[in-house]
Structures are given as structure tokens and as C-alpha cells.
């Protein structure tokens, strides 16, 4: 991953240093003007959609795992299933 989109709450030196250690570039997603109500921010919407897809896997809805590696593996497995389902849907033409 080379580029990470972040909320305005994650700005600062600590986030910049962590991203630099991992060779990533951070981009803050913010409104161009002050607005009220719901405003769709494209990069943030992609992240929220991905979290919603992951929430459909019951094992990921609660923190049952003792090890962080195990939880990361289940997230990897969940997103692999999601990507495979999307690939099969694309190949089937539906």
C-alpha cells in the first residue's frame, strides 16, 4: 500500500512518522466547504463500504481472538472471500 486516506482526526507528527516508517503517503480527506448533513467523500466511502462488507462475517463482529495475528488472518480471509465473490460475479457477467 502506497497511499492511505485518513480523517482529519489523524493528522499530526505521530501519524506522519508511522506512515513514513512503512513507506506510505498520507492524504487527509476533508470537506472543501463547511456543510451540514450527509456529504459523500469518495475515498472515505470506499473504506466505510469495506468495513460494512467485513461486518457481514460474524467472526469479525466481536473481538474473540486472543492474538492480533489471528484477527488479522481472519480479516485477510474475509476480504479474500469478498474479492473472490466479486471476481466470480464479474466473470459470470452479472
N, C-alpha and C. Protein backbone atom coordinates (compact mmCIF):
# COMPACT_ATOMS: atom_id res chain seq x y z
N UNK A 1 0.85 -1.16 0.00
CA UNK A 1 0.00 0.00 0.00
C UNK A 1 0.90 1.23 0.00
N UNK A 2 0.64 2.13 -0.90
CA UNK A 2 1.47 3.32 -1.03
C UNK A 2 0.76 4.58 -0.54
N UNK A 3 -0.57 4.61 -0.66
CA UNK A 3 -1.32 5.81 -0.30
C UNK A 3 -2.42 5.42 0.67
N UNK A 4 -2.54 6.18 1.77
CA UNK A 4 -3.58 5.93 2.77
C UNK A 4 -4.39 7.20 2.95
N UNK A 5 -5.71 7.07 2.90
CA UNK A 5 -6.59 8.19 3.15
C UNK A 5 -6.94 8.20 4.62
N UNK A 6 -6.96 9.39 5.22
CA UNK A 6 -7.24 9.45 6.65
C UNK A 6 -8.18 10.61 6.95
N UNK A 7 -8.80 10.51 8.11
CA UNK A 7 -9.69 11.55 8.60
C UNK A 7 -8.85 12.68 9.19
N UNK A 8 -9.47 13.83 9.38
CA UNK A 8 -8.75 14.97 9.93
C UNK A 8 -8.27 14.72 11.35
N UNK A 9 -8.90 13.79 12.06
CA UNK A 9 -8.50 13.48 13.42
C UNK A 9 -7.17 12.77 13.52
N UNK A 10 -6.64 12.25 12.44
CA UNK A 10 -5.39 11.51 12.46
C UNK A 10 -4.22 12.30 11.90
N UNK A 11 -4.35 13.59 11.82
CA UNK A 11 -3.24 14.41 11.36
C UNK A 11 -2.26 14.62 12.51
N UNK A 12 -1.05 14.93 12.19
CA UNK A 12 -0.05 15.17 13.23
C UNK A 12 1.24 14.44 12.93
N UNK A 13 2.22 14.68 13.77
CA UNK A 13 3.55 14.10 13.55
C UNK A 13 3.57 12.59 13.76
N UNK A 14 2.82 12.09 14.74
CA UNK A 14 2.85 10.65 15.02
C UNK A 14 2.35 9.85 13.82
N UNK A 15 1.24 10.29 13.24
CA UNK A 15 0.70 9.59 12.06
C UNK A 15 1.66 9.69 10.89
N UNK A 16 2.27 10.86 10.71
CA UNK A 16 3.20 11.06 9.60
C UNK A 16 4.44 10.18 9.77
N UNK A 17 4.94 10.10 11.00
CA UNK A 17 6.14 9.27 11.26
C UNK A 17 5.83 7.79 11.05
N UNK A 18 4.67 7.34 11.51
CA UNK A 18 4.29 5.93 11.33
C UNK A 18 4.15 5.59 9.85
N UNK A 19 3.54 6.49 9.10
CA UNK A 19 3.38 6.24 7.67
C UNK A 19 4.73 6.23 6.96
N UNK A 20 5.60 7.12 7.37
CA UNK A 20 6.92 7.19 6.74
C UNK A 20 7.73 5.92 7.03
N UNK A 21 7.59 5.37 8.23
CA UNK A 21 8.29 4.12 8.58
C UNK A 21 7.86 2.97 7.69
N UNK A 22 6.59 2.98 7.28
CA UNK A 22 6.06 1.90 6.44
C UNK A 22 6.07 2.25 4.96
N UNK A 23 6.66 3.38 4.60
CA UNK A 23 6.77 3.76 3.20
C UNK A 23 5.45 4.16 2.55
N UNK A 24 4.57 4.77 3.35
CA UNK A 24 3.26 5.16 2.84
C UNK A 24 3.14 6.68 2.80
N UNK A 25 2.26 7.15 1.94
CA UNK A 25 1.94 8.56 1.84
C UNK A 25 0.53 8.74 2.40
N UNK A 26 0.33 9.74 3.26
CA UNK A 26 -0.98 10.01 3.85
C UNK A 26 -1.66 11.16 3.12
N UNK A 27 -2.96 11.01 2.92
CA UNK A 27 -3.75 12.08 2.33
C UNK A 27 -4.98 12.30 3.20
N UNK A 28 -5.16 13.52 3.68
CA UNK A 28 -6.29 13.86 4.54
C UNK A 28 -7.52 14.11 3.66
N UNK A 29 -8.61 13.43 4.00
CA UNK A 29 -9.87 13.60 3.28
C UNK A 29 -10.71 14.58 4.09
N UNK A 30 -11.01 15.73 3.51
CA UNK A 30 -11.80 16.72 4.23
C UNK A 30 -12.73 17.44 3.27
N UNK A 31 -13.70 18.11 3.86
CA UNK A 31 -14.66 18.88 3.08
C UNK A 31 -13.99 20.12 2.51
N UNK A 32 -14.42 20.51 1.33
CA UNK A 32 -13.89 21.74 0.74
C UNK A 32 -14.55 22.96 1.37
N UNK A 33 -15.78 22.80 1.83
CA UNK A 33 -16.52 23.89 2.46
C UNK A 33 -17.23 23.34 3.70
N UNK A 34 -17.64 24.23 4.58
CA UNK A 34 -18.42 23.81 5.74
C UNK A 34 -19.83 23.46 5.26
N UNK A 35 -20.28 22.24 5.53
CA UNK A 35 -21.59 21.79 5.07
C UNK A 35 -22.30 21.11 6.22
N UNK A 36 -23.61 21.08 6.13
CA UNK A 36 -24.41 20.39 7.14
C UNK A 36 -25.05 19.17 6.50
N UNK A 37 -25.22 18.13 7.30
CA UNK A 37 -25.85 16.93 6.79
C UNK A 37 -24.84 15.98 6.17
N UNK A 38 -25.36 15.00 5.45
CA UNK A 38 -24.52 13.97 4.85
C UNK A 38 -23.88 14.49 3.57
N UNK A 39 -22.57 14.32 3.49
CA UNK A 39 -21.82 14.68 2.29
C UNK A 39 -20.93 13.49 1.94
N UNK A 40 -21.04 13.00 0.73
CA UNK A 40 -20.27 11.84 0.30
C UNK A 40 -18.85 12.25 -0.03
N UNK A 41 -17.89 11.64 0.67
CA UNK A 41 -16.48 11.84 0.39
C UNK A 41 -15.97 10.55 -0.23
N UNK A 42 -15.58 10.58 -1.47
CA UNK A 42 -15.28 9.37 -2.24
C UNK A 42 -14.29 8.43 -1.56
N UNK A 43 -13.08 8.84 -1.21
CA UNK A 43 -12.14 7.88 -0.62
C UNK A 43 -12.63 7.30 0.70
N UNK A 44 -13.29 8.13 1.50
CA UNK A 44 -13.78 7.65 2.78
C UNK A 44 -14.93 6.66 2.59
N UNK A 45 -15.75 6.88 1.57
CA UNK A 45 -16.86 5.99 1.30
C UNK A 45 -16.35 4.58 0.97
N UNK A 46 -15.24 4.50 0.28
CA UNK A 46 -14.67 3.20 -0.07
C UNK A 46 -14.27 2.44 1.19
N UNK A 47 -13.69 3.12 2.14
CA UNK A 47 -13.28 2.49 3.40
C UNK A 47 -14.50 2.05 4.20
N UNK A 48 -15.50 2.91 4.31
CA UNK A 48 -16.71 2.57 5.06
C UNK A 48 -17.43 1.39 4.42
N UNK A 49 -17.46 1.33 3.10
CA UNK A 49 -18.09 0.21 2.40
C UNK A 49 -17.34 -1.08 2.71
N UNK A 50 -16.02 -1.01 2.74
CA UNK A 50 -15.22 -2.19 3.04
C UNK A 50 -15.47 -2.68 4.46
N UNK A 51 -15.60 -1.75 5.41
CA UNK A 51 -15.91 -2.14 6.79
C UNK A 51 -17.28 -2.79 6.87
N UNK A 52 -18.24 -2.29 6.09
CA UNK A 52 -19.58 -2.89 6.08
C UNK A 52 -19.53 -4.31 5.52
N UNK A 53 -18.75 -4.52 4.47
CA UNK A 53 -18.61 -5.87 3.93
C UNK A 53 -17.99 -6.81 4.96
N UNK A 54 -16.97 -6.33 5.67
CA UNK A 54 -16.31 -7.17 6.67
C UNK A 54 -17.25 -7.47 7.84
N UNK A 55 -18.16 -6.57 8.15
CA UNK A 55 -19.07 -6.76 9.27
C UNK A 55 -20.05 -7.91 9.02
N UNK A 56 -20.21 -8.32 7.76
CA UNK A 56 -21.09 -9.45 7.46
C UNK A 56 -20.50 -10.78 7.92
N UNK A 57 -19.23 -10.81 8.24
CA UNK A 57 -18.60 -12.02 8.75
C UNK A 57 -18.72 -12.00 10.27
N UNK A 58 -19.50 -12.93 10.81
CA UNK A 58 -19.83 -12.92 12.23
C UNK A 58 -18.59 -13.00 13.12
N UNK A 59 -17.57 -13.68 12.67
CA UNK A 59 -16.37 -13.84 13.49
C UNK A 59 -15.67 -12.50 13.72
N UNK A 60 -15.85 -11.55 12.82
CA UNK A 60 -15.17 -10.26 12.93
C UNK A 60 -15.98 -9.22 13.70
N UNK A 61 -17.25 -9.53 14.03
CA UNK A 61 -18.08 -8.52 14.70
C UNK A 61 -17.72 -8.37 16.17
N UNK A 62 -17.16 -9.37 16.77
CA UNK A 62 -16.74 -9.30 18.18
C UNK A 62 -15.25 -9.63 18.25
N UNK A 63 -14.63 -9.22 19.31
CA UNK A 63 -13.20 -9.47 19.50
C UNK A 63 -13.02 -10.76 20.29
N UNK A 64 -13.11 -11.90 19.59
CA UNK A 64 -12.97 -13.20 20.23
C UNK A 64 -11.52 -13.68 20.30
N UNK A 65 -10.70 -13.16 19.46
CA UNK A 65 -9.35 -13.70 19.31
C UNK A 65 -8.41 -13.18 20.39
N UNK A 66 -7.51 -14.04 20.83
CA UNK A 66 -6.52 -13.63 21.83
C UNK A 66 -5.31 -12.97 21.18
N UNK A 67 -4.96 -13.42 19.99
CA UNK A 67 -3.78 -12.90 19.31
C UNK A 67 -4.17 -11.96 18.17
N UNK A 68 -3.43 -10.89 18.04
CA UNK A 68 -3.69 -9.94 16.95
C UNK A 68 -3.44 -10.58 15.60
N UNK A 69 -2.48 -11.50 15.54
CA UNK A 69 -2.19 -12.18 14.27
C UNK A 69 -3.37 -13.02 13.80
N UNK A 70 -4.07 -13.63 14.75
CA UNK A 70 -5.23 -14.43 14.40
C UNK A 70 -6.34 -13.55 13.84
N UNK A 71 -6.58 -12.42 14.48
CA UNK A 71 -7.60 -11.49 14.00
C UNK A 71 -7.24 -10.95 12.61
N UNK A 72 -5.97 -10.63 12.42
CA UNK A 72 -5.52 -10.15 11.10
C UNK A 72 -5.72 -11.23 10.04
N UNK A 73 -5.47 -12.48 10.41
CA UNK A 73 -5.66 -13.58 9.46
C UNK A 73 -7.13 -13.73 9.08
N UNK A 74 -8.04 -13.58 10.04
CA UNK A 74 -9.46 -13.67 9.73
C UNK A 74 -9.91 -12.51 8.85
N UNK A 75 -9.35 -11.31 9.07
CA UNK A 75 -9.67 -10.20 8.19
C UNK A 75 -9.17 -10.47 6.77
N UNK A 76 -7.97 -11.01 6.66
CA UNK A 76 -7.41 -11.36 5.35
C UNK A 76 -8.31 -12.38 4.66
N UNK A 77 -8.73 -13.39 5.40
CA UNK A 77 -9.60 -14.42 4.85
C UNK A 77 -10.95 -13.85 4.41
N UNK A 78 -11.51 -12.97 5.23
CA UNK A 78 -12.81 -12.37 4.89
C UNK A 78 -12.71 -11.55 3.60
N UNK A 79 -11.67 -10.73 3.48
CA UNK A 79 -11.55 -9.91 2.29
C UNK A 79 -11.17 -10.75 1.06
N UNK A 80 -10.47 -11.86 1.27
CA UNK A 80 -10.20 -12.76 0.15
C UNK A 80 -11.51 -13.37 -0.36
N UNK A 81 -12.41 -13.74 0.57
CA UNK A 81 -13.72 -14.27 0.17
C UNK A 81 -14.53 -13.22 -0.59
N UNK A 82 -14.48 -11.97 -0.10
CA UNK A 82 -15.21 -10.89 -0.76
C UNK A 82 -14.66 -10.66 -2.16
N UNK A 83 -13.35 -10.65 -2.30
CA UNK A 83 -12.74 -10.40 -3.61
C UNK A 83 -13.02 -11.55 -4.57
N UNK A 84 -13.00 -12.78 -4.07
CA UNK A 84 -13.31 -13.93 -4.93
C UNK A 84 -14.76 -13.90 -5.39
N UNK A 85 -15.67 -13.53 -4.50
CA UNK A 85 -17.08 -13.43 -4.89
C UNK A 85 -17.27 -12.36 -5.96
N UNK A 86 -16.59 -11.24 -5.80
CA UNK A 86 -16.68 -10.19 -6.81
C UNK A 86 -16.07 -10.64 -8.14
N UNK A 87 -14.98 -11.39 -8.08
CA UNK A 87 -14.35 -11.90 -9.30
C UNK A 87 -15.27 -12.86 -10.02
N UNK A 88 -15.89 -13.79 -9.27
CA UNK A 88 -16.81 -14.75 -9.90
C UNK A 88 -18.00 -14.04 -10.50
N UNK A 89 -18.52 -13.01 -9.81
CA UNK A 89 -19.63 -12.24 -10.34
C UNK A 89 -19.23 -11.52 -11.62
N UNK A 90 -18.02 -11.00 -11.67
CA UNK A 90 -17.53 -10.31 -12.85
C UNK A 90 -17.35 -11.28 -14.01
N UNK A 91 -16.81 -12.46 -13.74
CA UNK A 91 -16.61 -13.45 -14.80
C UNK A 91 -17.93 -14.03 -15.31
N UNK A 92 -18.92 -14.10 -14.43
CA UNK A 92 -20.21 -14.64 -14.85
C UNK A 92 -21.01 -13.61 -15.64
N UNK A 93 -20.62 -12.34 -15.53
CA UNK A 93 -21.30 -11.31 -16.30
C UNK A 93 -22.58 -10.81 -15.67
N UNK A 94 -22.74 -10.99 -14.37
CA UNK A 94 -23.95 -10.49 -13.72
C UNK A 94 -23.65 -9.25 -12.93
